[in-house]
Amino acid sequence: MTLSTDQLAQLDRDGFLILPEVFSPAEVAAIQSRLPALFSDKSDANVIERGSGAVRTAMGLHLRDPLFAALVRHPRLIEPARQILDEPFYIQQVKVNVKAAFSGEIWQWHTDFATHHGEDGVPRPEAINLHILLDEVNEFNGPLYFVPGSHKGPEHKAWLDDQTTSYPLWVTEIDRVRETISSSTIVSAKGVPGTVLIFHDTLIHGSPNNMSPWDRGIFSLIVNPVSNALTSDKRPDYKHHRDLTPVSPVGDDCLAKYEGEALKAAV
């Protein structure tokens, strides 16, 4: 998959893209089929909600399951990243973020770079986030909120919040969020399963809690230029991977095997 000139210009202007139906229902079903076993695994790479006990984030998935080892090299993700970054990049983080029905907690207003810089010593805000919606995401089940254009300008002041939720996060100061939204707006990143979201490391974003009866799962692959690699290893590998091998795409049909397995399991 190749981004058009207009899409690249929109990404530069707004800091994000919402690309509907990039992955098929069968491909999404194959991805979803692998999650129950991963979520039930007693791994430190599974972050649990404080209140409900449900999985909030399952990390390091490409090291735990062969489907995700293929997915992180899928050309519909890697080729757009190549266009944007135009230099060799490595797999920085791989996860599925979940907001379970009725209990999924918020993600506070933040930029990813604040954490990448503050925790991992990443020098520059050059990483790219590539998401796949695994459920239908609507206004009720905790969609991502993006602030268009907030990836540009001075660095946003941030502080480490380790109290609000079960996942410590460098969050953007509220006054800065208020100021930025006052001169922009908020876009709710909604879509059907298989929709891809691409956004920059300094884009202000967050998401509300899920009060609906519908789960909201999103696959996330973060890639970062090898020239911009982490300089601190205080976080575990599953939160920021140490393998700096440049990523190359595999075949576009890399999920076909798993589609068949998921179909057989469903019968």
C-alpha atoms as a PDB file:
ATOM      1  CA  MET A   1       0.000   0.000   0.000  1.00  0.00           C
ATOM      2  CA  THR A   2       1.302   3.410  -1.012  1.00  0.00           C
ATOM      3  CA  LEU A   3       0.144   6.731   0.398  1.00  0.00           C
ATOM      4  CA  SER A   4      -0.857   9.340  -2.163  1.00  0.00           C
ATOM      5  CA  THR A   5       0.645  12.810  -2.370  1.00  0.00           C
ATOM      6  CA  ASP A   6      -2.572  14.205  -0.876  1.00  0.00           C
ATOM      7  CA  GLN A   7      -2.471  11.734   2.019  1.00  0.00           C
ATOM      8  CA  LEU A   8       1.154  12.571   2.794  1.00  0.00           C
ATOM      9  CA  ALA A   9       0.263  16.281   2.742  1.00  0.00           C
ATOM     10  CA  GLN A  10      -2.674  15.651   5.093  1.00  0.00           C
ATOM     11  CA  LEU A  11      -0.438  13.690   7.476  1.00  0.00           C
ATOM     12  CA  ASP A  12       2.036  16.571   7.488  1.00  0.00           C
ATOM     13  CA  ARG A  13      -0.745  19.113   8.126  1.00  0.00           C
ATOM     14  CA  ASP A  14      -2.901  17.259  10.669  1.00  0.00           C
ATOM     15  CA  GLY A  15      -0.414  14.816  12.182  1.00  0.00           C
ATOM     16  CA  PHE A  16      -2.641  11.790  11.515  1.00  0.00           C
ATOM     17  CA  LEU A  17      -4.442   9.781   8.848  1.00  0.00           C
ATOM     18  CA  ILE A  18      -7.577   7.621   9.130  1.00  0.00           C
ATOM     19  CA  LEU A  19      -7.602   5.020   6.329  1.00  0.00           C
ATOM     20  CA  PRO A  20     -10.805   2.923   6.184  1.00  0.00           C
ATOM     21  CA  GLU A  21     -10.884  -0.829   5.515  1.00  0.00           C
ATOM     22  CA  VAL A  22      -7.194  -1.401   4.842  1.00  0.00           C
ATOM     23  CA  PHE A  23      -7.434  -4.911   6.317  1.00  0.00           C
ATOM     24  CA  SER A  24     -10.238  -7.310   5.422  1.00  0.00           C
ATOM     25  CA  PRO A  25     -12.784  -8.792   7.858  1.00  0.00           C
ATOM     26  CA  ALA A  26     -11.072 -12.182   7.467  1.00  0.00           C
ATOM     27  CA  GLU A  27      -7.677 -10.697   8.335  1.00  0.00           C
ATOM     28  CA  VAL A  28      -9.092  -8.897  11.367  1.00  0.00           C
ATOM     29  CA  ALA A  29     -10.820 -12.101  12.498  1.00  0.00           C
ATOM     30  CA  ALA A  30      -7.491 -13.926  12.282  1.00  0.00           C
ATOM     31  CA  ILE A  31      -5.820 -11.255  14.429  1.00  0.00           C
ATOM     32  CA  GLN A  32      -8.666 -11.350  16.948  1.00  0.00           C
ATOM     33  CA  SER A  33      -8.493 -15.147  17.159  1.00  0.00           C
ATOM     34  CA  ARG A  34      -5.004 -15.025  18.656  1.00  0.00           C
ATOM     35  CA  LEU A  35      -5.857 -12.631  21.479  1.00  0.00           C
ATOM     36  CA  PRO A  36      -7.660 -14.860  24.038  1.00  0.00           C
ATOM     37  CA  ALA A  37      -4.610 -17.089  24.502  1.00  0.00           C
ATOM     38  CA  LEU A  38      -2.286 -14.092  24.716  1.00  0.00           C
ATOM     39  CA  PHE A  39      -4.542 -12.295  27.207  1.00  0.00           C
ATOM     40  CA  SER A  40      -4.760 -15.377  29.446  1.00  0.00           C
ATOM     41  CA  ASP A  41      -0.981 -15.791  29.454  1.00  0.00           C
ATOM     42  CA  LYS A  42       0.509 -14.879  32.837  1.00  0.00           C
ATOM     43  CA  SER A  43       3.079 -12.582  31.254  1.00  0.00           C
ATOM     44  CA  ASP A  44       4.525  -9.379  32.651  1.00  0.00           C
ATOM     45  CA  ALA A  45       3.901  -7.979  29.166  1.00  0.00           C
ATOM     46  CA  ASN A  46       0.155  -8.023  29.882  1.00  0.00           C
ATOM     47  CA  VAL A  47      -0.916  -4.880  31.757  1.00  0.00           C
ATOM     48  CA  ILE A  48      -4.065  -5.353  33.842  1.00  0.00           C
ATOM     49  CA  GLU A  49      -6.689  -2.729  34.664  1.00  0.00           C
ATOM     50  CA  ARG A  50      -6.600  -1.826  38.356  1.00  0.00           C
ATOM     51  CA  GLY A  51     -10.364  -1.793  38.750  1.00  0.00           C
ATOM     52  CA  SER A  52     -11.727  -4.615  36.586  1.00  0.00           C
ATOM     53  CA  GLY A  53      -8.804  -7.006  36.296  1.00  0.00           C
ATOM     54  CA  ALA A  54      -9.239  -7.041  32.504  1.00  0.00           C
ATOM     55  CA  VAL A  55      -6.253  -6.811  30.177  1.00  0.00           C
ATOM     56  CA  ARG A  56      -5.575  -3.183  29.279  1.00  0.00           C
ATOM     57  CA  THR A  57      -2.530  -3.708  27.082  1.00  0.00           C
ATOM     58  CA  ALA A  58      -0.789  -6.834  25.775  1.00  0.00           C
ATOM     59  CA  MET A  59       2.742  -6.014  24.635  1.00  0.00           C
ATOM     60  CA  GLY A  60       5.643  -7.647  22.801  1.00  0.00           C
ATOM     61  CA  LEU A  61       3.165  -9.632  20.708  1.00  0.00           C
ATOM     62  CA  HIS A  62       5.479 -10.297  17.750  1.00  0.00           C
ATOM     63  CA  LEU A  63       7.781 -12.186  20.139  1.00  0.00           C
ATOM     64  CA  ARG A  64       4.889 -14.201  21.567  1.00  0.00           C
ATOM     65  CA  ASP A  65       2.854 -15.243  18.527  1.00  0.00           C
ATOM     66  CA  PRO A  66       3.775 -16.006  14.879  1.00  0.00           C
ATOM     67  CA  LEU A  67       0.809 -14.110  13.420  1.00  0.00           C
ATOM     68  CA  PHE A  68       2.027 -10.888  15.014  1.00  0.00           C
ATOM     69  CA  ALA A  69       5.586 -11.648  13.868  1.00  0.00           C
ATOM     70  CA  ALA A  70       4.162 -11.495  10.342  1.00  0.00           C
ATOM     71  CA  LEU A  71       1.807  -8.569  10.979  1.00  0.00           C
ATOM     72  CA  VAL A  72       4.590  -6.221  12.126  1.00  0.00           C
ATOM     73  CA  ARG A  73       6.181  -6.710   8.691  1.00  0.00           C
ATOM     74  CA  HIS A  74       2.979  -6.423   6.695  1.00  0.00           C
ATOM     75  CA  PRO A  75       3.505  -4.255   3.591  1.00  0.00           C
ATOM     76  CA  ARG A  76       0.266  -2.344   4.252  1.00  0.00           C
ATOM     77  CA  LEU A  77       1.969  -1.006   7.377  1.00  0.00           C
ATOM     78  CA  ILE A  78       5.651  -1.047   6.452  1.00  0.00           C
ATOM     79  CA  GLU A  79       5.440   0.538   2.999  1.00  0.00           C
ATOM     80  CA  PRO A  80       3.639   3.691   4.257  1.00  0.00           C
ATOM     81  CA  ALA A  81       6.164   3.910   7.113  1.00  0.00           C
ATOM     82  CA  ARG A  82       8.985   3.753   4.548  1.00  0.00           C
ATOM     83  CA  GLN A  83       7.432   6.654   2.648  1.00  0.00           C
ATOM     84  CA  ILE A  84       7.107   8.754   5.785  1.00  0.00           C
ATOM     85  CA  LEU A  85      10.489   8.027   7.367  1.00  0.00           C
ATOM     86  CA  ASP A  86      12.629   7.506   4.252  1.00  0.00           C
ATOM     87  CA  GLU A  87      15.360   5.742   6.244  1.00  0.00           C
ATOM     88  CA  PRO A  88      15.856   2.344   7.968  1.00  0.00           C
ATOM     89  CA  PHE A  89      13.660   1.849  11.036  1.00  0.00           C
ATOM     90  CA  TYR A  90      13.227  -0.777  13.741  1.00  0.00           C
ATOM     91  CA  ILE A  91      10.291  -2.199  15.656  1.00  0.00           C
ATOM     92  CA  GLN A  92      10.043  -0.075  18.780  1.00  0.00           C
ATOM     93  CA  GLN A  93       6.830  -1.373  20.345  1.00  0.00           C
ATOM     94  CA  VAL A  94       4.075  -3.866  19.488  1.00  0.00           C
ATOM     95  CA  LYS A  95       0.842  -4.137  21.442  1.00  0.00           C
ATOM     96  CA  VAL A  96      -2.925  -4.398  21.478  1.00  0.00           C
ATOM     97  CA  ASN A  97      -4.670  -1.772  23.582  1.00  0.00           C
ATOM     98  CA  VAL A  98      -8.060  -2.861  24.856  1.00  0.00           C
ATOM     99  CA  LYS A  99     -10.974  -1.045  26.420  1.00  0.00           C
ATOM    100  CA  ALA A 100     -13.219  -3.801  27.751  1.00  0.00           C
ATOM    101  CA  ALA A 101     -16.960  -3.175  27.605  1.00  0.00           C
ATOM    102  CA  PHE A 102     -18.224  -1.120  30.581  1.00  0.00           C
ATOM    103  CA  SER A 103     -14.802  -1.068  32.284  1.00  0.00           C
ATOM    104  CA  GLY A 104     -12.085   0.145  29.912  1.00  0.00           C
ATOM    105  CA  GLU A 105     -10.107   3.012  31.475  1.00  0.00           C
ATOM    106  CA  ILE A 106      -9.051   6.294  29.899  1.00  0.00           C
ATOM    107  CA  TRP A 107      -5.760   7.126  28.265  1.00  0.00           C
ATOM    108  CA  GLN A 108      -4.933  10.645  29.429  1.00  0.00           C
ATOM    109  CA  TRP A 109      -4.012  13.441  27.014  1.00  0.00           C
ATOM    110  CA  HIS A 110      -0.426  12.759  25.947  1.00  0.00           C
ATOM    111  CA  THR A 111       2.110  12.584  23.167  1.00  0.00           C
ATOM    112  CA  ASP A 112       3.994   9.345  22.644  1.00  0.00           C
ATOM    113  CA  PHE A 113       7.301  11.169  22.352  1.00  0.00           C
ATOM    114  CA  ALA A 114       7.087  12.380  25.951  1.00  0.00           C
ATOM    115  CA  THR A 115       7.300   8.756  27.115  1.00  0.00           C
ATOM    116  CA  HIS A 116       9.773   7.667  24.433  1.00  0.00           C
ATOM    117  CA  HIS A 117      12.076  10.542  25.403  1.00  0.00           C
ATOM    118  CA  GLY A 118      11.500  10.577  29.164  1.00  0.00           C
ATOM    119  CA  GLU A 119      11.655   6.822  29.723  1.00  0.00           C
ATOM    120  CA  ASP A 120      13.759   5.503  26.832  1.00  0.00           C
ATOM    121  CA  GLY A 121      16.014   8.430  25.942  1.00  0.00           C
ATOM    122  CA  VAL A 122      14.859   8.591  22.312  1.00  0.00           C
ATOM    123  CA  PRO A 123      16.536  11.789  21.035  1.00  0.00           C
ATOM    124  CA  ARG A 124      14.078  13.076  18.414  1.00  0.00           C
ATOM    125  CA  PRO A 125      10.306  12.818  17.831  1.00  0.00           C
ATOM    126  CA  GLU A 126      10.510  10.756  14.648  1.00  0.00           C
ATOM    127  CA  ALA A 127       8.663   7.538  15.523  1.00  0.00           C
ATOM    128  CA  ILE A 128       5.460   6.668  13.676  1.00  0.00           C
ATOM    129  CA  ASN A 129       2.441   4.911  15.182  1.00  0.00           C
ATOM    130  CA  LEU A 130       0.548   2.480  12.934  1.00  0.00           C
ATOM    131  CA  HIS A 131      -2.786   1.267  14.322  1.00  0.00           C
ATOM    132  CA  ILE A 132      -5.367  -1.260  13.133  1.00  0.00           C
ATOM    133  CA  LEU A 133      -8.894  -1.058  14.571  1.00  0.00           C
ATOM    134  CA  LEU A 134      -9.864  -4.591  15.621  1.00  0.00           C
ATOM    135  CA  ASP A 135     -13.430  -3.710  16.638  1.00  0.00           C
ATOM    136  CA  GLU A 136     -15.857  -1.168  15.305  1.00  0.00           C
ATOM    137  CA  VAL A 137     -14.908   2.042  17.087  1.00  0.00           C
ATOM    138  CA  ASN A 138     -17.692   4.555  17.680  1.00  0.00           C
ATOM    139  CA  GLU A 139     -18.326   7.549  19.906  1.00  0.00           C
ATOM    140  CA  PHE A 140     -19.422   5.322  22.793  1.00  0.00           C
ATOM    141  CA  ASN A 141     -16.644   2.759  23.254  1.00  0.00           C
ATOM    142  CA  GLY A 142     -13.606   4.933  23.895  1.00  0.00           C
ATOM    143  CA  PRO A 143     -12.324   6.136  20.515  1.00  0.00           C
ATOM    144  CA  LEU A 144      -8.982   7.837  20.171  1.00  0.00           C
ATOM    145  CA  TYR A 145      -9.208  11.628  20.217  1.00  0.00           C
ATOM    146  CA  PHE A 146      -6.705  13.481  18.011  1.00  0.00           C
ATOM    147  CA  VAL A 147      -5.915  17.216  18.129  1.00  0.00           C
ATOM    148  CA  PRO A 148      -5.159  18.150  14.492  1.00  0.00           C
ATOM    149  CA  GLY A 149      -1.908  20.024  13.978  1.00  0.00           C
ATOM    150  CA  SER A 150      -0.738  19.544  17.563  1.00  0.00           C
ATOM    151  CA  HIS A 151       2.342  17.651  16.357  1.00  0.00           C
ATOM    152  CA  LYS A 152       3.877  20.931  15.207  1.00  0.00           C
ATOM    153  CA  GLY A 153       5.302  23.807  17.205  1.00  0.00           C
ATOM    154  CA  PRO A 154       7.191  23.773  20.513  1.00  0.00           C
ATOM    155  CA  GLU A 155       7.572  20.618  22.565  1.00  0.00           C
ATOM    156  CA  HIS A 156       4.587  20.003  24.850  1.00  0.00           C
ATOM    157  CA  LYS A 157       5.366  20.032  28.576  1.00  0.00           C
ATOM    158  CA  ALA A 158       4.651  16.678  30.205  1.00  0.00           C
ATOM    159  CA  TRP A 159       4.793  14.961  33.577  1.00  0.00           C
ATOM    160  CA  LEU A 160       4.768  11.320  34.651  1.00  0.00           C
ATOM    161  CA  ASP A 161       1.330  10.216  35.885  1.00  0.00           C
ATOM    162  CA  ASP A 162       1.580   6.854  37.679  1.00  0.00           C
ATOM    163  CA  GLN A 163      -1.637   7.220  39.673  1.00  0.00           C
ATOM    164  CA  THR A 164      -4.570   7.711  37.287  1.00  0.00           C
ATOM    165  CA  THR A 165      -4.485   4.323  35.585  1.00  0.00           C
ATOM    166  CA  SER A 166      -2.650   1.007  35.702  1.00  0.00           C
ATOM    167  CA  TYR A 167      -0.154   2.191  33.074  1.00  0.00           C
ATOM    168  CA  PRO A 168       2.348   4.948  33.988  1.00  0.00           C
ATOM    169  CA  LEU A 169       2.224   7.611  31.289  1.00  0.00           C
ATOM    170  CA  TRP A 170       3.930  10.905  30.550  1.00  0.00           C
ATOM    171  CA  VAL A 171       0.872  13.146  30.134  1.00  0.00           C
ATOM    172  CA  THR A 172       0.597  16.574  28.536  1.00  0.00           C
ATOM    173  CA  GLU A 173      -0.066  19.521  30.855  1.00  0.00           C
ATOM    174  CA  ILE A 174      -3.748  20.442  30.777  1.00  0.00           C
ATOM    175  CA  ASP A 175      -3.122  24.130  30.086  1.00  0.00           C
ATOM    176  CA  ARG A 176      -1.167  23.141  26.991  1.00  0.00           C
ATOM    177  CA  VAL A 177      -3.960  20.812  25.839  1.00  0.00           C
ATOM    178  CA  ARG A 178      -6.560  23.549  26.412  1.00  0.00           C
ATOM    179  CA  GLU A 179      -4.500  26.103  24.503  1.00  0.00           C
ATOM    180  CA  THR A 180      -3.904  23.751  21.582  1.00  0.00           C
ATOM    181  CA  ILE A 181      -7.529  22.658  21.252  1.00  0.00           C
ATOM    182  CA  SER A 182      -8.720  26.279  21.441  1.00  0.00           C
ATOM    183  CA  SER A 183      -6.906  26.995  18.179  1.00  0.00           C
ATOM    184  CA  SER A 184      -7.748  23.628  16.605  1.00  0.00           C
ATOM    185  CA  THR A 185     -10.455  21.050  17.344  1.00  0.00           C
ATOM    186  CA  ILE A 186     -10.816  17.400  18.416  1.00  0.00           C
ATOM    187  CA  VAL A 187     -11.274  14.585  15.920  1.00  0.00           C
ATOM    188  CA  SER A 188     -12.687  11.242  17.052  1.00  0.00           C
ATOM    189  CA  ALA A 189     -10.893   8.426  15.225  1.00  0.00           C
ATOM    190  CA  LYS A 190     -13.816   6.142  14.482  1.00  0.00           C
ATOM    191  CA  GLY A 191     -14.136   3.370  11.926  1.00  0.00           C
ATOM    192  CA  VAL A 192     -14.932  -0.208  11.058  1.00  0.00           C
ATOM    193  CA  PRO A 193     -12.587  -3.095  11.882  1.00  0.00           C
ATOM    194  CA  GLY A 194      -9.595  -3.065   9.566  1.00  0.00           C
ATOM    195  CA  THR A 195      -9.303   0.735   9.526  1.00  0.00           C
ATOM    196  CA  VAL A 196      -5.705   1.956   9.860  1.00  0.00           C
ATOM    197  CA  LEU A 197      -4.632   5.015  11.851  1.00  0.00           C
ATOM    198  CA  ILE A 198      -1.214   6.575  11.256  1.00  0.00           C
ATOM    199  CA  PHE A 199       0.046   9.395  13.459  1.00  0.00           C
ATOM    200  CA  HIS A 200       3.154  11.266  14.503  1.00  0.00           C
ATOM    201  CA  ASP A 201       5.030  10.919  17.791  1.00  0.00           C
ATOM    202  CA  THR A 202       4.230  14.471  18.947  1.00  0.00           C
ATOM    203  CA  LEU A 203       0.494  14.449  18.173  1.00  0.00           C
ATOM    204  CA  ILE A 204      -1.614  15.159  21.273  1.00  0.00           C
ATOM    205  CA  HIS A 205      -4.127  12.350  21.699  1.00  0.00           C
ATOM    206  CA  GLY A 206      -6.041  10.416  24.334  1.00  0.00           C
ATOM    207  CA  SER A 207      -9.219   8.414  24.774  1.00  0.00           C
ATOM    208  CA  PRO A 208     -12.134   8.323  27.220  1.00  0.00           C
ATOM    209  CA  ASN A 209     -13.240   5.306  29.215  1.00  0.00           C
ATOM    210  CA  ASN A 210     -15.549   2.754  27.623  1.00  0.00           C
ATOM    211  CA  MET A 211     -19.063   2.982  29.092  1.00  0.00           C
ATOM    212  CA  SER A 212     -20.612   0.968  26.266  1.00  0.00           C
ATOM    213  CA  PRO A 213     -21.410  -2.773  25.995  1.00  0.00           C
ATOM    214  CA  TRP A 214     -18.909  -3.077  23.118  1.00  0.00           C
ATOM    215  CA  ASP A 215     -15.230  -3.924  23.441  1.00  0.00           C
ATOM    216  CA  ARG A 216     -12.677  -1.687  21.736  1.00  0.00           C
ATOM    217  CA  GLY A 217      -9.408  -3.281  20.686  1.00  0.00           C
ATOM    218  CA  ILE A 218      -6.651  -1.590  18.659  1.00  0.00           C
ATOM    219  CA  PHE A 219      -3.413  -3.129  17.382  1.00  0.00           C
ATOM    220  CA  SER A 220      -0.440  -0.753  17.568  1.00  0.00           C
ATOM    221  CA  LEU A 221       2.943  -0.957  15.878  1.00  0.00           C
ATOM    222  CA  ILE A 222       5.431   1.829  16.602  1.00  0.00           C
ATOM    223  CA  VAL A 223       8.487   2.072  14.358  1.00  0.00           C
ATOM    224  CA  ASN A 224      11.442   4.405  14.888  1.00  0.00           C
ATOM    225  CA  PRO A 225      14.491   5.260  12.733  1.00  0.00           C
ATOM    226  CA  VAL A 226      17.582   3.265  13.671  1.00  0.00           C
ATOM    227  CA  SER A 227      19.453   6.587  13.764  1.00  0.00           C
ATOM    228  CA  ASN A 228      17.046   7.727  16.520  1.00  0.00           C
ATOM    229  CA  ALA A 229      17.242   4.630  18.729  1.00  0.00           C
ATOM    230  CA  LEU A 230      16.741   4.507  22.490  1.00  0.00           C
ATOM    231  CA  THR A 231      19.651   5.484  24.723  1.00  0.00           C
ATOM    232  CA  SER A 232      18.254   4.141  28.018  1.00  0.00           C
ATOM    233  CA  ASP A 233      17.260   0.589  28.902  1.00  0.00           C
ATOM    234  CA  LYS A 234      15.444   1.218  32.177  1.00  0.00           C
ATOM    235  CA  ARG A 235      12.149  -0.072  30.757  1.00  0.00           C
ATOM    236  CA  PRO A 236      11.801  -3.784  29.896  1.00  0.00           C
ATOM    237  CA  ASP A 237      12.284  -4.923  26.315  1.00  0.00           C
ATOM    238  CA  TYR A 238       8.569  -5.490  25.733  1.00  0.00           C
ATOM    239  CA  LYS A 239       7.950  -1.764  26.299  1.00  0.00           C
ATOM    240  CA  HIS A 240      10.771  -0.654  23.980  1.00  0.00           C
ATOM    241  CA  HIS A 241      12.544  -3.339  21.988  1.00  0.00           C
ATOM    242  CA  ARG A 242      16.341  -3.463  21.842  1.00  0.00           C
ATOM    243  CA  ASP A 243      16.596  -5.224  18.468  1.00  0.00           C
ATOM    244  CA  LEU A 244      17.521  -2.448  16.032  1.00  0.00           C
ATOM    245  CA  THR A 245      17.419  -4.629  12.911  1.00  0.00           C
ATOM    246  CA  PRO A 246      15.819  -2.593  10.106  1.00  0.00           C
ATOM    247  CA  VAL A 247      12.329  -3.818   9.201  1.00  0.00           C
ATOM    248  CA  SER A 248      11.642  -5.254   5.758  1.00  0.00           C
ATOM    249  CA  PRO A 249       8.137  -6.087   4.497  1.00  0.00           C
ATOM    250  CA  VAL A 250       6.966  -9.636   3.846  1.00  0.00           C
ATOM    251  CA  GLY A 251       4.304 -10.736   1.344  1.00  0.00           C
ATOM    252  CA  ASP A 252       0.879  -9.137   1.303  1.00  0.00           C
ATOM    253  CA  ASP A 253      -0.678 -12.572   1.873  1.00  0.00           C
ATOM    254  CA  CYS A 254       1.272 -13.162   5.112  1.00  0.00           C
ATOM    255  CA  LEU A 255      -1.929 -13.543   7.161  1.00  0.00           C
ATOM    256  CA  ALA A 256      -3.631 -16.021   4.799  1.00  0.00           C
ATOM    257  CA  LYS A 257      -2.485 -19.077   6.765  1.00  0.00           C
ATOM    258  CA  TYR A 258      -3.963 -17.649   9.949  1.00  0.00           C
ATOM    259  CA  GLU A 259      -7.225 -16.710   8.245  1.00  0.00           C
ATOM    260  CA  GLY A 260      -7.732 -20.402   7.465  1.00  0.00           C
ATOM    261  CA  GLU A 261      -6.904 -21.430  11.014  1.00  0.00           C
ATOM    262  CA  ALA A 262      -9.360 -18.900  12.441  1.00  0.00           C
ATOM    263  CA  LEU A 263     -12.101 -20.079  10.080  1.00  0.00           C
ATOM    264  CA  LYS A 264     -11.588 -23.720  11.061  1.00  0.00           C
ATOM    265  CA  ALA A 265     -11.647 -22.833  14.756  1.00  0.00           C
ATOM    266  CA  ALA A 266     -14.918 -20.935  14.312  1.00  0.00           C
ATOM    267  CA  VAL A 267     -16.727 -23.862  12.668  1.00  0.00           C
END
